[in-house]
Amino acid sequence: MAANRVCWWEIGTQDAKELGGFYAKVFGWEVSEFGDMGYQCMGSGTGKDGGIGGGIFTVEGKCPPYQTVYVAVEDVDAMLKTAVEAGGESLGDPFDVPEVGRIAMLKDPQGHTLGLIKPAGEES
């Protein structure tokens, strides 16, 4: 795994299917459902010149709409601690998503949301 690379983007919105359809129509991206949670996986290309994949999902509860990127790291818990020590803010404890990996969300010192992920199946 390349160290600390941006590996995924995500948009939390009011209507994931509608917004996913917009991006598919405008850019020709492939849309596929992930599980039964209404998560729209967006394929923005393949091969050497392909783009970074992403996802769109409908936010619920107190979660506001947002857009973020995920950085693939070797150790989510340690990197979250480093980010907090550098002035970031943890948005909750790290958590595991089956078939996806270990994830933590944080805000940088200027308030931008950022995700950390140790993708499932990637060796340390």
N, C-alpha and C. Protein backbone atom coordinates (compact mmCIF):
# COMPACT_ATOMS: atom_id res chain seq x y z
N MET A 1 0.85 -1.18 0.00
CA MET A 1 0.00 0.00 0.00
C MET A 1 0.89 1.24 0.00
N ALA A 2 0.58 2.16 -0.88
CA ALA A 2 1.30 3.45 -0.88
C ALA A 2 0.95 4.19 0.40
N ALA A 3 1.94 4.80 1.00
CA ALA A 3 1.74 5.47 2.28
C ALA A 3 0.83 6.70 2.16
N ASN A 4 -0.20 6.72 3.00
CA ASN A 4 -1.05 7.89 3.19
C ASN A 4 -1.59 8.49 1.88
N ARG A 5 -2.15 7.66 1.05
CA ARG A 5 -2.69 8.11 -0.24
C ARG A 5 -4.20 8.36 -0.13
N VAL A 6 -4.69 9.34 -0.86
CA VAL A 6 -6.13 9.53 -0.96
C VAL A 6 -6.67 8.35 -1.76
N CYS A 7 -7.66 7.65 -1.20
CA CYS A 7 -8.13 6.42 -1.84
C CYS A 7 -9.64 6.38 -2.09
N TRP A 8 -10.38 7.35 -1.59
CA TRP A 8 -11.85 7.30 -1.70
C TRP A 8 -12.40 8.68 -1.43
N TRP A 9 -13.52 9.01 -2.00
CA TRP A 9 -14.23 10.24 -1.66
C TRP A 9 -15.65 9.87 -1.29
N GLU A 10 -16.31 10.76 -0.59
CA GLU A 10 -17.66 10.45 -0.14
C GLU A 10 -18.48 11.74 -0.02
N ILE A 11 -19.73 11.62 -0.39
CA ILE A 11 -20.66 12.73 -0.22
C ILE A 11 -21.85 12.21 0.59
N GLY A 12 -22.12 12.88 1.70
CA GLY A 12 -23.32 12.61 2.48
C GLY A 12 -24.35 13.66 2.08
N THR A 13 -25.53 13.23 1.66
CA THR A 13 -26.51 14.15 1.08
C THR A 13 -27.92 13.81 1.54
N GLN A 14 -28.88 14.59 1.11
CA GLN A 14 -30.28 14.37 1.47
C GLN A 14 -30.93 13.24 0.67
N ASP A 15 -30.44 12.96 -0.56
CA ASP A 15 -31.03 11.92 -1.40
C ASP A 15 -29.92 11.30 -2.25
N ALA A 16 -29.38 10.18 -1.78
CA ALA A 16 -28.24 9.54 -2.45
C ALA A 16 -28.56 9.06 -3.86
N LYS A 17 -29.72 8.45 -4.05
CA LYS A 17 -30.07 7.95 -5.39
C LYS A 17 -30.15 9.09 -6.40
N GLU A 18 -30.78 10.17 -6.01
CA GLU A 18 -30.91 11.31 -6.91
C GLU A 18 -29.55 11.90 -7.26
N LEU A 19 -28.71 12.12 -6.24
CA LEU A 19 -27.40 12.71 -6.49
C LEU A 19 -26.49 11.76 -7.26
N GLY A 20 -26.57 10.46 -6.94
CA GLY A 20 -25.80 9.47 -7.70
C GLY A 20 -26.18 9.49 -9.17
N GLY A 21 -27.49 9.61 -9.44
CA GLY A 21 -27.96 9.70 -10.82
C GLY A 21 -27.42 10.93 -11.53
N PHE A 22 -27.33 12.04 -10.81
CA PHE A 22 -26.77 13.27 -11.38
C PHE A 22 -25.33 13.04 -11.85
N TYR A 23 -24.49 12.49 -10.98
CA TYR A 23 -23.09 12.28 -11.33
C TYR A 23 -22.94 11.25 -12.46
N ALA A 24 -23.79 10.23 -12.46
CA ALA A 24 -23.76 9.24 -13.54
C ALA A 24 -24.13 9.88 -14.87
N LYS A 25 -25.15 10.72 -14.84
CA LYS A 25 -25.60 11.37 -16.08
C LYS A 25 -24.59 12.38 -16.59
N VAL A 26 -24.04 13.19 -15.71
CA VAL A 26 -23.11 14.24 -16.13
C VAL A 26 -21.77 13.66 -16.57
N PHE A 27 -21.20 12.73 -15.77
CA PHE A 27 -19.84 12.26 -16.03
C PHE A 27 -19.77 10.84 -16.60
N GLY A 28 -20.91 10.14 -16.67
CA GLY A 28 -20.91 8.78 -17.18
C GLY A 28 -20.34 7.77 -16.21
N TRP A 29 -20.30 8.11 -14.92
CA TRP A 29 -19.75 7.21 -13.91
C TRP A 29 -20.70 6.04 -13.68
N GLU A 30 -20.13 4.89 -13.38
CA GLU A 30 -20.91 3.70 -13.05
C GLU A 30 -21.40 3.80 -11.62
N VAL A 31 -22.65 3.42 -11.40
CA VAL A 31 -23.24 3.44 -10.07
C VAL A 31 -23.61 2.02 -9.68
N SER A 32 -23.25 1.63 -8.46
CA SER A 32 -23.67 0.32 -7.96
C SER A 32 -24.04 0.47 -6.49
N GLU A 33 -24.98 -0.34 -6.06
CA GLU A 33 -25.43 -0.33 -4.67
C GLU A 33 -24.46 -1.14 -3.83
N PHE A 34 -24.13 -0.64 -2.64
CA PHE A 34 -23.32 -1.39 -1.68
C PHE A 34 -24.23 -1.85 -0.56
N GLY A 35 -24.43 -3.14 -0.47
CA GLY A 35 -25.28 -3.71 0.58
C GLY A 35 -26.71 -3.22 0.46
N ASP A 36 -27.40 -3.19 1.61
CA ASP A 36 -28.80 -2.77 1.61
C ASP A 36 -28.98 -1.45 2.34
N MET A 37 -27.91 -0.66 2.43
CA MET A 37 -27.98 0.59 3.18
C MET A 37 -28.15 1.81 2.29
N GLY A 38 -28.41 1.61 1.00
CA GLY A 38 -28.64 2.74 0.11
C GLY A 38 -27.37 3.49 -0.28
N TYR A 39 -26.22 2.89 -0.06
CA TYR A 39 -24.94 3.52 -0.39
C TYR A 39 -24.69 3.36 -1.88
N GLN A 40 -24.48 4.45 -2.57
CA GLN A 40 -24.24 4.45 -4.01
C GLN A 40 -22.73 4.50 -4.26
N CYS A 41 -22.13 3.38 -4.68
CA CYS A 41 -20.72 3.38 -5.04
C CYS A 41 -20.58 3.97 -6.44
N MET A 42 -19.64 4.89 -6.58
CA MET A 42 -19.45 5.60 -7.84
C MET A 42 -18.10 5.25 -8.44
N GLY A 43 -18.10 4.63 -9.61
CA GLY A 43 -16.86 4.30 -10.32
C GLY A 43 -16.55 5.41 -11.30
N SER A 44 -15.43 6.09 -11.07
CA SER A 44 -15.09 7.23 -11.93
C SER A 44 -13.99 6.90 -12.92
N GLY A 45 -13.80 5.62 -13.21
CA GLY A 45 -12.80 5.22 -14.21
C GLY A 45 -12.05 4.00 -13.75
N THR A 46 -11.35 3.38 -14.68
CA THR A 46 -10.57 2.19 -14.38
C THR A 46 -9.22 2.29 -15.07
N GLY A 47 -8.33 1.40 -14.70
CA GLY A 47 -7.03 1.34 -15.36
C GLY A 47 -6.09 2.44 -14.92
N LYS A 48 -4.99 2.56 -15.66
CA LYS A 48 -3.94 3.52 -15.33
C LYS A 48 -4.44 4.95 -15.21
N ASP A 49 -5.34 5.35 -16.07
CA ASP A 49 -5.85 6.72 -16.06
C ASP A 49 -7.18 6.87 -15.34
N GLY A 50 -7.60 5.83 -14.63
CA GLY A 50 -8.87 5.87 -13.93
C GLY A 50 -8.82 6.78 -12.71
N GLY A 51 -9.97 7.22 -12.30
CA GLY A 51 -10.06 8.11 -11.16
C GLY A 51 -10.21 7.35 -9.85
N ILE A 52 -10.32 8.08 -8.78
CA ILE A 52 -10.53 7.52 -7.46
C ILE A 52 -12.02 7.26 -7.31
N GLY A 53 -12.38 6.06 -6.87
CA GLY A 53 -13.78 5.73 -6.63
C GLY A 53 -14.32 6.47 -5.43
N GLY A 54 -15.63 6.50 -5.34
CA GLY A 54 -16.26 7.18 -4.22
C GLY A 54 -17.64 6.65 -3.95
N GLY A 55 -18.31 7.30 -3.02
CA GLY A 55 -19.64 6.87 -2.66
C GLY A 55 -20.51 8.03 -2.23
N ILE A 56 -21.80 7.85 -2.42
CA ILE A 56 -22.79 8.84 -2.03
C ILE A 56 -23.84 8.12 -1.18
N PHE A 57 -24.17 8.72 -0.04
CA PHE A 57 -25.20 8.10 0.79
C PHE A 57 -26.07 9.17 1.42
N THR A 58 -27.25 8.76 1.84
CA THR A 58 -28.20 9.66 2.47
C THR A 58 -27.87 9.77 3.95
N VAL A 59 -27.63 10.99 4.40
CA VAL A 59 -27.32 11.23 5.82
C VAL A 59 -28.61 11.17 6.63
N GLU A 60 -28.46 10.78 7.87
CA GLU A 60 -29.62 10.67 8.76
C GLU A 60 -29.32 11.36 10.08
N GLY A 61 -30.35 11.62 10.83
CA GLY A 61 -30.19 12.19 12.17
C GLY A 61 -29.53 13.55 12.14
N LYS A 62 -28.56 13.74 13.02
CA LYS A 62 -27.90 15.03 13.17
C LYS A 62 -26.74 15.23 12.21
N CYS A 63 -26.44 14.23 11.39
CA CYS A 63 -25.32 14.35 10.46
C CYS A 63 -25.67 15.33 9.34
N PRO A 64 -24.92 16.42 9.20
CA PRO A 64 -25.19 17.38 8.13
C PRO A 64 -24.64 16.86 6.80
N PRO A 65 -25.15 17.34 5.67
CA PRO A 65 -24.56 16.98 4.39
C PRO A 65 -23.08 17.38 4.39
N TYR A 66 -22.24 16.57 3.75
CA TYR A 66 -20.82 16.86 3.71
C TYR A 66 -20.17 16.21 2.50
N GLN A 67 -18.94 16.60 2.24
CA GLN A 67 -18.10 15.99 1.22
C GLN A 67 -16.72 15.82 1.83
N THR A 68 -16.10 14.67 1.63
CA THR A 68 -14.79 14.42 2.23
C THR A 68 -13.98 13.46 1.36
N VAL A 69 -12.72 13.34 1.70
CA VAL A 69 -11.85 12.32 1.11
C VAL A 69 -11.37 11.42 2.23
N TYR A 70 -10.97 10.22 1.86
CA TYR A 70 -10.40 9.26 2.81
C TYR A 70 -8.94 9.04 2.45
N VAL A 71 -8.10 8.96 3.48
CA VAL A 71 -6.68 8.68 3.31
C VAL A 71 -6.42 7.28 3.85
N ALA A 72 -5.80 6.42 3.03
CA ALA A 72 -5.45 5.07 3.46
C ALA A 72 -4.20 5.13 4.33
N VAL A 73 -4.31 4.61 5.53
CA VAL A 73 -3.20 4.65 6.49
C VAL A 73 -2.92 3.25 7.02
N GLU A 74 -1.75 3.06 7.58
CA GLU A 74 -1.36 1.77 8.14
C GLU A 74 -2.10 1.45 9.44
N ASP A 75 -2.33 2.47 10.28
CA ASP A 75 -2.92 2.27 11.60
C ASP A 75 -3.88 3.44 11.88
N VAL A 76 -5.16 3.20 11.73
CA VAL A 76 -6.18 4.25 11.90
C VAL A 76 -6.12 4.87 13.29
N ASP A 77 -6.05 4.04 14.31
CA ASP A 77 -6.06 4.55 15.68
C ASP A 77 -4.85 5.45 15.96
N ALA A 78 -3.68 5.01 15.54
CA ALA A 78 -2.46 5.80 15.76
C ALA A 78 -2.50 7.10 14.95
N MET A 79 -2.97 7.04 13.72
CA MET A 79 -3.02 8.25 12.89
C MET A 79 -4.04 9.24 13.43
N LEU A 80 -5.16 8.76 13.95
CA LEU A 80 -6.14 9.65 14.57
C LEU A 80 -5.52 10.36 15.76
N LYS A 81 -4.80 9.62 16.56
CA LYS A 81 -4.12 10.22 17.73
C LYS A 81 -3.13 11.29 17.28
N THR A 82 -2.37 11.00 16.24
CA THR A 82 -1.40 11.97 15.71
C THR A 82 -2.12 13.22 15.21
N ALA A 83 -3.25 13.04 14.52
CA ALA A 83 -4.01 14.18 14.00
C ALA A 83 -4.54 15.05 15.13
N VAL A 84 -5.06 14.42 16.18
CA VAL A 84 -5.58 15.18 17.32
C VAL A 84 -4.45 15.95 18.01
N GLU A 85 -3.30 15.31 18.17
CA GLU A 85 -2.15 15.97 18.78
C GLU A 85 -1.66 17.15 17.95
N ALA A 86 -1.90 17.10 16.65
CA ALA A 86 -1.48 18.18 15.74
C ALA A 86 -2.52 19.29 15.62
N GLY A 87 -3.65 19.16 16.35
CA GLY A 87 -4.67 20.20 16.34
C GLY A 87 -5.97 19.83 15.69
N GLY A 88 -6.09 18.59 15.21
CA GLY A 88 -7.35 18.13 14.64
C GLY A 88 -8.33 17.75 15.73
N GLU A 89 -9.55 17.41 15.33
CA GLU A 89 -10.60 17.02 16.27
C GLU A 89 -11.20 15.70 15.84
N SER A 90 -11.18 14.71 16.73
CA SER A 90 -11.80 13.42 16.45
C SER A 90 -13.31 13.60 16.41
N LEU A 91 -13.96 12.95 15.45
CA LEU A 91 -15.42 12.99 15.36
C LEU A 91 -16.05 11.71 15.91
N GLY A 92 -15.29 10.96 16.65
CA GLY A 92 -15.79 9.73 17.26
C GLY A 92 -14.71 8.67 17.27
N ASP A 93 -15.00 7.57 17.93
CA ASP A 93 -14.05 6.47 17.99
C ASP A 93 -13.92 5.80 16.63
N PRO A 94 -12.74 5.25 16.32
CA PRO A 94 -12.60 4.45 15.10
C PRO A 94 -13.58 3.27 15.14
N PHE A 95 -14.00 2.81 13.97
CA PHE A 95 -14.96 1.71 13.88
C PHE A 95 -14.64 0.85 12.67
N ASP A 96 -15.12 -0.39 12.71
CA ASP A 96 -14.90 -1.34 11.64
C ASP A 96 -16.16 -1.49 10.79
N VAL A 97 -15.99 -1.52 9.47
CA VAL A 97 -17.08 -1.78 8.55
C VAL A 97 -16.73 -3.07 7.81
N PRO A 98 -17.53 -4.13 7.99
CA PRO A 98 -17.24 -5.40 7.34
C PRO A 98 -17.02 -5.24 5.83
N GLU A 99 -16.00 -5.89 5.32
CA GLU A 99 -15.64 -5.88 3.91
C GLU A 99 -15.11 -4.53 3.42
N VAL A 100 -15.03 -3.54 4.30
CA VAL A 100 -14.53 -2.21 3.92
C VAL A 100 -13.22 -1.91 4.63
N GLY A 101 -13.24 -1.94 5.95
CA GLY A 101 -12.03 -1.69 6.71
C GLY A 101 -12.30 -0.93 8.00
N ARG A 102 -11.23 -0.47 8.62
CA ARG A 102 -11.31 0.31 9.86
C ARG A 102 -11.29 1.78 9.48
N ILE A 103 -12.20 2.55 10.07
CA ILE A 103 -12.41 3.95 9.67
C ILE A 103 -12.45 4.85 10.90
N ALA A 104 -11.96 6.06 10.73
CA ALA A 104 -12.13 7.13 11.72
C ALA A 104 -12.37 8.43 10.96
N MET A 105 -13.17 9.29 11.55
CA MET A 105 -13.46 10.59 10.95
C MET A 105 -12.91 11.68 11.86
N LEU A 106 -12.41 12.75 11.26
CA LEU A 106 -11.87 13.86 12.03
C LEU A 106 -12.10 15.16 11.30
N LYS A 107 -11.86 16.25 12.00
CA LYS A 107 -11.83 17.58 11.39
C LYS A 107 -10.41 18.09 11.50
N ASP A 108 -9.95 18.73 10.44
CA ASP A 108 -8.62 19.35 10.51
C ASP A 108 -8.74 20.64 11.31
N PRO A 109 -7.62 21.32 11.60
CA PRO A 109 -7.68 22.53 12.44
C PRO A 109 -8.56 23.66 11.88
N GLN A 110 -8.90 23.62 10.59
CA GLN A 110 -9.75 24.65 10.02
C GLN A 110 -11.17 24.16 9.77
N GLY A 111 -11.50 22.96 10.29
CA GLY A 111 -12.88 22.48 10.26
C GLY A 111 -13.27 21.60 9.09
N HIS A 112 -12.34 21.20 8.22
CA HIS A 112 -12.67 20.32 7.10
C HIS A 112 -12.72 18.88 7.56
N THR A 113 -13.72 18.14 7.12
CA THR A 113 -13.86 16.73 7.47
C THR A 113 -12.90 15.88 6.65
N LEU A 114 -12.31 14.89 7.30
CA LEU A 114 -11.36 13.99 6.66
C LEU A 114 -11.57 12.60 7.22
N GLY A 115 -11.51 11.59 6.36
CA GLY A 115 -11.63 10.22 6.81
C GLY A 115 -10.28 9.51 6.76
N LEU A 116 -10.06 8.62 7.70
CA LEU A 116 -8.90 7.75 7.71
C LEU A 116 -9.41 6.34 7.53
N ILE A 117 -8.71 5.53 6.74
CA ILE A 117 -9.14 4.15 6.55
C ILE A 117 -7.96 3.22 6.41
N LYS A 118 -8.09 2.07 7.03
CA LYS A 118 -7.20 0.93 6.80
C LYS A 118 -8.08 -0.05 6.03
N PRO A 119 -7.94 -0.09 4.69
CA PRO A 119 -8.83 -0.93 3.91
C PRO A 119 -8.75 -2.41 4.30
N ALA A 120 -9.88 -3.07 4.32
CA ALA A 120 -9.93 -4.50 4.63
C ALA A 120 -9.06 -5.26 3.63
N GLY A 121 -8.33 -6.22 4.13
CA GLY A 121 -7.54 -7.07 3.24
C GLY A 121 -6.18 -6.53 2.88
N GLU A 122 -5.85 -5.31 3.28
CA GLU A 122 -4.53 -4.76 2.98
C GLU A 122 -3.59 -5.08 4.12
N GLU A 123 -2.45 -5.64 3.80
CA GLU A 123 -1.46 -6.00 4.80
C GLU A 123 -0.75 -4.76 5.31
N SER A 124 -0.29 -4.81 6.53
CA SER A 124 0.47 -3.71 7.11
C SER A 124 1.85 -3.66 6.53
